[in-house]
Amino acid sequence: MTAFGSVKIVGGLLPADLLGRVFAGDSQVPGTGPGTYGLERGESVRRQASRTWLYLLEVWQDFKRRIDGADDGPDAAEAVSARVTRERWLRILLRELGFHQVAGGSFELEGKSFPVSHRSGHVPIHLLGWATDLDHKTPHVSARAPQSMLQELLNRDDAYLWAILSNGATLRLLRDSTALVGSSYVEFDLEAIFDGELFSDFVLLYLACHESRFAHQGDGPETCYLEQWRGFAVEQGQRALDQLRDGVQRAISILGTGFLSHPDNPQLRVRLDPRNADLKLDDFNRALLRLVYRILFWLVAEDRGALLQPDPADAGADARARLREARDRYATYFSSARLRQLARRHRGSRHGDLFEAMQLVFDALGTEGGVPELALPGIGGIFEFQHDDGRALPLDEPLAGARLSNEALLDAVRALSQVRPRGGGALRRVDFGNLGAEELGSVYESLLELIPRYDGEQLAYTLETLAGNERKESGSYYTPTSLVECLLDSALDPLLDEACAHGTPEERVSALLEITVCDPACGSGHFLVAAARRIAKRIAAEETGESEPPDAVVRAALRRVVGRCIYGVDVNPMAAELAKVSLWIEALEPGKPLSYLDRSIRVG
């Protein structure tokens, strides 16, 4: 999701933060000046978009009258035909976006045909009839799912990096997704933009999909502005990840100091006194880290719309109304969005009601059955209170019953949810909705390099980089994505090919689900997540008959793969717990307990 209600990002193609900076005309982003859009110096891109907007509104309204009147007379078939949608709407839209040389398409690669309707230079453009399904085959219209067909073309031919796909109601901006699982695109809801007169959303569409964005600025498609934006986003994303690591480190220090300095926590200070040896500083630090990751998981799940109870398929009107009321109650009084908004606007007080409200949410998520009055399911996992097993101190025990002021909690939330660019400038919000499992894992594993320090006189808690840290002592090191992919190429892909050699699609799917992957030192799950993606994509391809299956089908397959094929072990209890979190976030099934991974991800 983005700040623009009609825009959806799939596959992290162009992050929401980048699109926001493009919309704002950030001079640090390459290609945002008027000259890059073919305008003269002193002209305004936004003013040009405004003139285009007024004209296209009239075109849309005329076209929509044809669509809305399609059921009223013999012209119905004509009104919804691909020809009318293309000529009366999409070709005009593209012309106003700078595409003046749109010709017939169709591509042939290695003996395989790709019936794309149009092209403009090196940009494949596939235009379909009104509201034609983009993700599935449509009888008598498309022999293949349009999204999958166009995505495969981009993935197989290096000459084409970006493409446009539209059915008149929505428009998708696609890119080669060879290195990803599933599709990768930005979708603009044209119907919502023009029916709802969402001018700001149209400006973003104009800025992102203008012909000048696709034009080569040098030798090869990788020189176009869209590709420059993507490279800029990758670079900024790495910096943002570094800043998130810093934010997590600050949050742990803030929370540690907040708990230890709170006047209602004298027992905690006594237990940490070296003369008592009742509570080790490392155990206190692990409890803080678990709390921070609970908060991070909460932010990610909520921003992805996967935290609250989903709509029951067979519920009546009364049950749906109660669920809506529960969601509204949660959003108004208990949501992480509310907490982040407070953190942006207020410093906080000495009261502790915000921490108590957050703990109520976490207790609900860790309790079987959850709290229906807040639409919170009981998902367990990282939210479940750990009991003493006789061998080690439970991760939750050091903070049990401890109090925390609003000031400390809001300060920690600010550290986690806002980053300041290294070169200066305004604070930017962390895009938790698109924060991946790898990012969460790498943040955790980088924290193993830090050791805790507690100044009992100043009641100050800090994390410092010193020799003898937990990473070195436990042999924990983050595995780069490139190495993970190389290992999967040689170890997993041959097994997938073997499974896909069976006779029928059903047999191939069954064989794929029989494959098991085990990482005996899984850390936070980087290798397991990547392996699950590969298996899931093969399953989705078999079930759809498409080499590039729709993202929703891959996600559905991923849930089965995570539940049946993936196993991991780690000596560090926190790492094993985060591996479960990474896999759950990747599979992302609203309301489904985290505990379904307890049997396959173990501590040992």
Foldseek 3Di string as FASTA:
>chain_A
DEPDPQKDWPPPLFDNVLLVCLLVLPPVQPQSDPVLLVDDPPDDLLVLLVVVLVVLLVLVVVLVVLQVCLVPDPCNCVSQFQVCLVPSHVVSVLVSLPQPDKDADWDADPNDIQRAGIARVQEGEREGTAPDQQFADDPPGGPGRNQLSVQVVQQPDQQHAWYWYDNNQKIWIFGHDNVHFFGGIMMGGPCCCSVVVVSSSSSSVSSCVRPSQQDAPDPGRCRGSSNSSSVVSVVVVVVVLVLLLVLLQVLLQLVQLQLLPQPVNVVLLVCPPPVNVNDDPVLVSLLSSLVSVVLLLLVQCVLQVFFFADDDPPDDPVVVVQQVQLQVVCVVPQHVVVLLVCLVPDLFDQDFVNVVSPLLLLQQCQDDQRDSSNRGHNQRQSSHFDDDPPPDDTSNVSCVPTTGGGNSVSSSSCSNFWGADPVGDDIDGDSSNPDALLSVQVSVLVLQQWDWDADSVVSGIHTDRDPPGRCVVQVDDDDDPVVLVVCCVPPPVVQLVVLVVDDALVSSLVSLLPAADEDAAQFLNPSQLVSLSVSLSSNQCSVRVRNNHHPVSSLVSSVSSLLRHYAYEHQDPVRLSNNLSNSCSSSRHRNHHSCSCVVRRYYD
